[in-house]
């Protein structure tokens, strides 16, 4: 979960590119579905495929969802995340989903401060 301390609840969040990332997909695990949830409300669904593991994704979080709490909580739910070891690729048993390269937050008004998960 990514908690974001808001300075204004009148903003719409994430109008452009949210995440530049590399998904753990390959010929043995060709698809990864990701649900994006903001303040307990689903706001997006992403599908990553083996042929395009590196990509940018976006989502718009409406003002009504941003205004629900003083902190916006963004959660990424991975369907069918697997470990490299389960595919015979290495000894790592940790399930992998998406490795983030950059995270971009774009507000139409107001500002935010990204915080650590506590």
N, C-alpha and C. Protein backbone atom coordinates (compact mmCIF):
# COMPACT_ATOMS: atom_id res chain seq x y z
N UNK A 1 0.84 -1.17 0.00
CA UNK A 1 0.00 0.00 0.00
C UNK A 1 0.88 1.23 0.00
N UNK A 2 0.45 2.23 -0.72
CA UNK A 2 1.16 3.50 -0.81
C UNK A 2 0.30 4.59 -0.20
N UNK A 3 0.61 5.06 1.03
CA UNK A 3 -0.18 6.15 1.61
C UNK A 3 0.33 7.51 1.11
N UNK A 4 -0.59 8.39 0.77
CA UNK A 4 -0.23 9.72 0.26
C UNK A 4 -0.96 10.74 1.11
N UNK A 5 -0.19 11.60 1.80
CA UNK A 5 -0.78 12.65 2.64
C UNK A 5 -1.23 13.79 1.73
N UNK A 6 -2.50 14.12 1.77
CA UNK A 6 -3.06 15.15 0.89
C UNK A 6 -3.03 16.52 1.56
N UNK A 7 -2.75 17.53 0.77
CA UNK A 7 -2.83 18.91 1.25
C UNK A 7 -4.17 19.52 0.87
N UNK A 8 -4.86 18.88 -0.05
CA UNK A 8 -6.16 19.36 -0.49
C UNK A 8 -7.00 18.17 -0.90
N UNK A 9 -8.24 18.12 -0.47
CA UNK A 9 -9.11 17.02 -0.86
C UNK A 9 -9.97 17.39 -2.07
N UNK A 10 -9.65 18.51 -2.71
CA UNK A 10 -10.43 18.94 -3.86
C UNK A 10 -9.74 18.58 -5.17
N UNK A 11 -8.72 17.74 -5.10
CA UNK A 11 -7.95 17.36 -6.27
C UNK A 11 -8.46 16.07 -6.89
N UNK A 12 -8.22 15.96 -8.17
CA UNK A 12 -8.34 14.68 -8.85
C UNK A 12 -6.92 14.21 -9.06
N UNK A 13 -6.66 12.98 -8.74
CA UNK A 13 -5.29 12.47 -8.77
C UNK A 13 -5.03 11.62 -10.00
N UNK A 14 -3.81 11.70 -10.50
CA UNK A 14 -3.27 10.78 -11.48
C UNK A 14 -3.97 10.88 -12.83
N UNK A 15 -3.76 11.98 -13.48
CA UNK A 15 -4.37 12.19 -14.79
C UNK A 15 -3.53 11.65 -15.91
N UNK A 16 -2.25 11.42 -15.65
CA UNK A 16 -1.35 11.00 -16.71
C UNK A 16 -0.71 9.68 -16.33
N UNK A 17 0.53 9.51 -16.63
CA UNK A 17 1.24 8.27 -16.39
C UNK A 17 1.49 8.08 -14.91
N UNK A 18 0.97 7.03 -14.34
CA UNK A 18 1.14 6.75 -12.92
C UNK A 18 2.42 5.99 -12.66
N UNK A 19 2.64 4.92 -13.41
CA UNK A 19 3.69 3.99 -13.05
C UNK A 19 4.46 3.54 -14.29
N UNK A 20 5.78 3.68 -14.24
CA UNK A 20 6.64 3.04 -15.23
C UNK A 20 7.21 1.82 -14.53
N UNK A 21 7.05 0.66 -15.15
CA UNK A 21 7.38 -0.56 -14.42
C UNK A 21 7.79 -1.70 -15.36
N UNK A 22 8.20 -2.78 -14.72
CA UNK A 22 8.54 -4.01 -15.41
C UNK A 22 7.79 -5.13 -14.69
N UNK A 23 6.88 -5.79 -15.38
CA UNK A 23 6.09 -6.86 -14.78
C UNK A 23 6.84 -8.19 -14.87
N UNK A 24 6.65 -9.04 -13.87
CA UNK A 24 7.23 -10.38 -13.90
C UNK A 24 6.33 -11.28 -14.73
N UNK A 25 6.56 -11.27 -16.03
CA UNK A 25 5.86 -12.14 -16.98
C UNK A 25 6.91 -12.73 -17.91
N UNK A 26 6.67 -13.93 -18.36
CA UNK A 26 7.57 -14.59 -19.31
C UNK A 26 6.78 -15.66 -20.04
N UNK A 27 7.45 -16.48 -20.83
CA UNK A 27 6.70 -17.48 -21.63
C UNK A 27 5.99 -18.51 -20.75
N UNK A 28 6.52 -18.78 -19.54
CA UNK A 28 5.87 -19.71 -18.63
C UNK A 28 4.77 -19.06 -17.78
N UNK A 29 4.85 -17.75 -17.67
CA UNK A 29 3.87 -16.96 -16.91
C UNK A 29 3.54 -15.73 -17.77
N UNK A 30 2.70 -15.93 -18.81
CA UNK A 30 2.54 -14.90 -19.84
C UNK A 30 1.63 -13.73 -19.51
N UNK A 31 0.94 -13.77 -18.38
CA UNK A 31 -0.02 -12.70 -18.09
C UNK A 31 -0.06 -12.41 -16.59
N UNK A 32 -0.18 -11.12 -16.26
CA UNK A 32 -0.35 -10.68 -14.87
C UNK A 32 -1.43 -9.60 -14.86
N UNK A 33 -2.47 -9.82 -14.05
CA UNK A 33 -3.54 -8.85 -13.89
C UNK A 33 -3.32 -8.07 -12.60
N UNK A 34 -3.50 -6.75 -12.66
CA UNK A 34 -3.32 -5.90 -11.50
C UNK A 34 -4.57 -5.04 -11.33
N UNK A 35 -5.12 -5.05 -10.13
CA UNK A 35 -6.24 -4.18 -9.81
C UNK A 35 -5.69 -3.02 -8.98
N UNK A 36 -6.02 -1.79 -9.36
CA UNK A 36 -5.60 -0.59 -8.62
C UNK A 36 -6.79 -0.16 -7.76
N UNK A 37 -6.52 -0.02 -6.45
CA UNK A 37 -7.57 0.33 -5.49
C UNK A 37 -7.15 1.62 -4.78
N UNK A 38 -8.06 2.57 -4.68
CA UNK A 38 -7.80 3.83 -3.98
C UNK A 38 -8.86 4.01 -2.90
N UNK A 39 -8.40 4.18 -1.65
CA UNK A 39 -9.33 4.33 -0.52
C UNK A 39 -10.43 3.27 -0.55
N UNK A 40 -10.02 2.03 -0.72
CA UNK A 40 -10.91 0.86 -0.72
C UNK A 40 -11.86 0.78 -1.91
N UNK A 41 -11.63 1.59 -2.95
CA UNK A 41 -12.48 1.59 -4.13
C UNK A 41 -11.67 1.21 -5.36
N UNK A 42 -12.05 0.17 -6.10
CA UNK A 42 -11.33 -0.16 -7.34
C UNK A 42 -11.43 1.00 -8.34
N UNK A 43 -10.29 1.41 -8.88
CA UNK A 43 -10.26 2.53 -9.83
C UNK A 43 -9.59 2.16 -11.16
N UNK A 44 -9.00 0.98 -11.23
CA UNK A 44 -8.35 0.59 -12.48
C UNK A 44 -7.99 -0.87 -12.51
N UNK A 45 -7.86 -1.39 -13.73
CA UNK A 45 -7.44 -2.76 -13.96
C UNK A 45 -6.40 -2.75 -15.06
N UNK A 46 -5.24 -3.33 -14.79
CA UNK A 46 -4.16 -3.39 -15.77
C UNK A 46 -3.86 -4.84 -16.10
N UNK A 47 -3.50 -5.08 -17.35
CA UNK A 47 -3.08 -6.41 -17.79
C UNK A 47 -1.69 -6.28 -18.40
N UNK A 48 -0.77 -7.07 -17.88
CA UNK A 48 0.59 -7.12 -18.43
C UNK A 48 0.75 -8.44 -19.16
N UNK A 49 1.40 -8.41 -20.32
CA UNK A 49 1.60 -9.61 -21.13
C UNK A 49 3.09 -9.83 -21.39
N UNK A 50 3.41 -11.07 -21.67
CA UNK A 50 4.79 -11.49 -21.89
C UNK A 50 5.50 -10.66 -22.96
N UNK A 51 4.81 -10.32 -24.02
CA UNK A 51 5.43 -9.58 -25.14
C UNK A 51 5.73 -8.12 -24.79
N UNK A 52 5.14 -7.59 -23.73
CA UNK A 52 5.35 -6.19 -23.35
C UNK A 52 5.49 -6.03 -21.83
N UNK A 53 6.56 -6.60 -21.23
CA UNK A 53 6.69 -6.53 -19.77
C UNK A 53 7.06 -5.15 -19.24
N UNK A 54 7.78 -4.34 -20.04
CA UNK A 54 8.13 -2.99 -19.60
C UNK A 54 7.13 -2.03 -20.21
N UNK A 55 6.51 -1.23 -19.36
CA UNK A 55 5.45 -0.38 -19.86
C UNK A 55 5.14 0.74 -18.87
N UNK A 56 4.32 1.66 -19.31
CA UNK A 56 3.78 2.72 -18.45
C UNK A 56 2.28 2.51 -18.34
N UNK A 57 1.74 2.77 -17.16
CA UNK A 57 0.30 2.62 -16.94
C UNK A 57 -0.24 3.85 -16.24
N UNK A 58 -1.52 4.12 -16.45
CA UNK A 58 -2.13 5.26 -15.78
C UNK A 58 -3.49 4.89 -15.21
N UNK A 59 -3.97 5.77 -14.35
CA UNK A 59 -5.29 5.62 -13.76
C UNK A 59 -5.73 7.00 -13.28
N UNK A 60 -7.03 7.25 -13.34
CA UNK A 60 -7.58 8.49 -12.80
C UNK A 60 -8.35 8.13 -11.53
N UNK A 61 -8.05 8.84 -10.45
CA UNK A 61 -8.77 8.65 -9.19
C UNK A 61 -9.65 9.88 -9.00
N UNK A 62 -10.97 9.71 -9.07
CA UNK A 62 -11.88 10.86 -9.00
C UNK A 62 -11.82 11.60 -7.66
N UNK A 63 -12.25 12.87 -7.72
CA UNK A 63 -12.26 13.73 -6.52
C UNK A 63 -13.03 13.11 -5.37
N UNK A 64 -14.14 12.47 -5.65
CA UNK A 64 -14.96 11.89 -4.58
C UNK A 64 -14.19 10.83 -3.80
N UNK A 65 -13.35 10.08 -4.46
CA UNK A 65 -12.54 9.06 -3.77
C UNK A 65 -11.39 9.71 -3.03
N UNK A 66 -10.76 10.71 -3.64
CA UNK A 66 -9.65 11.42 -2.99
C UNK A 66 -10.14 12.09 -1.72
N UNK A 67 -11.36 12.63 -1.74
CA UNK A 67 -11.89 13.40 -0.61
C UNK A 67 -12.37 12.53 0.56
N UNK A 68 -12.39 11.21 0.40
CA UNK A 68 -12.92 10.33 1.45
C UNK A 68 -12.10 10.34 2.73
N UNK A 69 -10.80 10.50 2.62
CA UNK A 69 -9.90 10.41 3.78
C UNK A 69 -8.81 11.46 3.67
N UNK A 70 -8.18 11.85 4.79
CA UNK A 70 -7.08 12.81 4.72
C UNK A 70 -5.84 12.22 4.05
N UNK A 71 -5.73 10.88 4.08
CA UNK A 71 -4.64 10.21 3.37
C UNK A 71 -5.26 9.35 2.27
N UNK A 72 -4.72 9.45 1.09
CA UNK A 72 -5.14 8.59 0.00
C UNK A 72 -4.31 7.32 0.08
N UNK A 73 -4.96 6.18 0.12
CA UNK A 73 -4.27 4.89 0.17
C UNK A 73 -4.45 4.19 -1.18
N UNK A 74 -3.32 3.97 -1.86
CA UNK A 74 -3.33 3.31 -3.16
C UNK A 74 -2.77 1.90 -2.97
N UNK A 75 -3.53 0.93 -3.43
CA UNK A 75 -3.16 -0.47 -3.27
C UNK A 75 -3.15 -1.13 -4.64
N UNK A 76 -2.13 -1.97 -4.88
CA UNK A 76 -2.03 -2.74 -6.11
C UNK A 76 -2.25 -4.20 -5.76
N UNK A 77 -3.32 -4.81 -6.29
CA UNK A 77 -3.63 -6.23 -6.04
C UNK A 77 -3.23 -7.04 -7.27
N UNK A 78 -2.37 -8.03 -7.05
CA UNK A 78 -1.86 -8.85 -8.14
C UNK A 78 -2.59 -10.18 -8.19
N UNK A 79 -3.14 -10.50 -9.35
CA UNK A 79 -3.78 -11.79 -9.56
C UNK A 79 -2.79 -12.67 -10.32
N UNK A 80 -2.53 -13.82 -9.80
CA UNK A 80 -1.63 -14.79 -10.40
C UNK A 80 -0.16 -14.40 -10.32
N UNK A 81 0.25 -13.71 -9.28
CA UNK A 81 1.68 -13.45 -9.08
C UNK A 81 2.33 -14.79 -8.74
N UNK A 82 3.53 -15.02 -9.25
CA UNK A 82 4.23 -16.28 -9.01
C UNK A 82 5.68 -16.00 -8.62
N UNK A 83 6.32 -17.00 -8.06
CA UNK A 83 7.74 -16.89 -7.71
C UNK A 83 8.58 -17.44 -8.86
N UNK A 84 9.80 -16.93 -9.02
CA UNK A 84 10.69 -17.50 -10.04
C UNK A 84 10.93 -19.00 -9.81
N UNK A 85 11.06 -19.41 -8.54
CA UNK A 85 11.31 -20.82 -8.23
C UNK A 85 10.16 -21.72 -8.68
N UNK A 86 8.92 -21.22 -8.58
CA UNK A 86 7.78 -22.04 -8.99
C UNK A 86 7.77 -22.30 -10.50
N UNK A 87 8.52 -21.47 -11.24
CA UNK A 87 8.64 -21.65 -12.69
C UNK A 87 9.94 -22.34 -13.08
N UNK A 88 10.74 -22.69 -12.06
CA UNK A 88 12.03 -23.33 -12.33
C UNK A 88 13.10 -22.35 -12.78
N UNK A 89 12.89 -21.05 -12.55
CA UNK A 89 13.82 -20.03 -13.03
C UNK A 89 14.97 -19.76 -12.06
N UNK A 90 14.74 -19.88 -10.76
CA UNK A 90 15.78 -19.63 -9.77
C UNK A 90 15.31 -20.15 -8.43
N UNK A 91 16.12 -19.93 -7.39
CA UNK A 91 15.76 -20.39 -6.06
C UNK A 91 14.87 -19.43 -5.29
N UNK A 92 14.47 -18.29 -5.87
CA UNK A 92 13.67 -17.30 -5.16
C UNK A 92 12.22 -17.72 -5.05
N UNK A 93 11.71 -17.81 -3.82
CA UNK A 93 10.32 -18.21 -3.60
C UNK A 93 9.37 -17.03 -3.37
N UNK A 94 9.90 -15.82 -3.35
CA UNK A 94 9.05 -14.64 -3.16
C UNK A 94 8.22 -14.41 -4.42
N UNK A 95 6.91 -14.25 -4.26
CA UNK A 95 6.05 -13.99 -5.41
C UNK A 95 6.32 -12.58 -5.94
N UNK A 96 6.43 -12.48 -7.26
CA UNK A 96 6.74 -11.20 -7.89
C UNK A 96 5.56 -10.72 -8.73
N UNK A 97 5.34 -9.42 -8.70
CA UNK A 97 4.27 -8.81 -9.49
C UNK A 97 4.86 -7.79 -10.45
N UNK A 98 5.02 -6.56 -9.97
CA UNK A 98 5.52 -5.47 -10.80
C UNK A 98 6.64 -4.76 -10.06
N UNK A 99 7.74 -4.54 -10.76
CA UNK A 99 8.84 -3.75 -10.22
C UNK A 99 8.71 -2.32 -10.72
N UNK A 100 8.53 -1.39 -9.82
CA UNK A 100 8.33 0.02 -10.21
C UNK A 100 9.66 0.68 -10.52
N UNK A 101 9.71 1.40 -11.62
CA UNK A 101 10.87 2.22 -11.97
C UNK A 101 10.63 3.65 -11.52
N UNK A 102 9.47 4.19 -11.89
CA UNK A 102 9.10 5.55 -11.47
C UNK A 102 7.60 5.58 -11.17
N UNK A 103 7.24 6.46 -10.24
CA UNK A 103 5.86 6.70 -9.89
C UNK A 103 5.61 8.18 -10.06
N UNK A 104 4.61 8.52 -10.86
CA UNK A 104 4.29 9.92 -11.14
C UNK A 104 2.92 10.25 -10.58
N UNK A 105 2.85 11.31 -9.80
CA UNK A 105 1.58 11.78 -9.26
C UNK A 105 1.28 13.13 -9.90
N UNK A 106 0.12 13.25 -10.48
CA UNK A 106 -0.27 14.47 -11.17
C UNK A 106 -1.65 14.88 -10.67
N UNK A 107 -1.70 16.03 -9.98
CA UNK A 107 -2.97 16.53 -9.46
C UNK A 107 -3.48 17.65 -10.35
N UNK A 108 -4.79 17.72 -10.54
CA UNK A 108 -5.35 18.81 -11.31
C UNK A 108 -5.38 20.10 -10.50
N UNK A 109 -5.44 19.97 -9.16
CA UNK A 109 -5.32 21.12 -8.27
C UNK A 109 -4.84 20.62 -6.93
N UNK A 110 -4.29 21.47 -6.11
CA UNK A 110 -3.76 21.02 -4.82
C UNK A 110 -2.42 20.33 -4.98
N UNK A 111 -1.98 19.67 -3.93
CA UNK A 111 -0.68 18.99 -3.95
C UNK A 111 -0.73 17.82 -3.00
N UNK A 112 0.29 17.00 -3.06
CA UNK A 112 0.36 15.84 -2.18
C UNK A 112 1.80 15.57 -1.80
N UNK A 113 1.95 14.79 -0.76
CA UNK A 113 3.26 14.37 -0.29
C UNK A 113 3.20 12.85 -0.13
N UNK A 114 4.11 12.15 -0.81
CA UNK A 114 4.12 10.70 -0.74
C UNK A 114 4.81 10.28 0.54
N UNK A 115 4.18 9.39 1.32
CA UNK A 115 4.74 8.95 2.59
C UNK A 115 5.07 7.48 2.56
N UNK A 116 5.73 7.02 3.62
CA UNK A 116 6.06 5.61 3.75
C UNK A 116 4.91 4.89 4.42
N UNK A 117 4.78 3.61 4.10
CA UNK A 117 3.74 2.78 4.70
C UNK A 117 4.08 2.58 6.17
N UNK A 118 3.17 2.93 7.08
CA UNK A 118 3.42 2.81 8.53
C UNK A 118 2.54 1.75 9.12
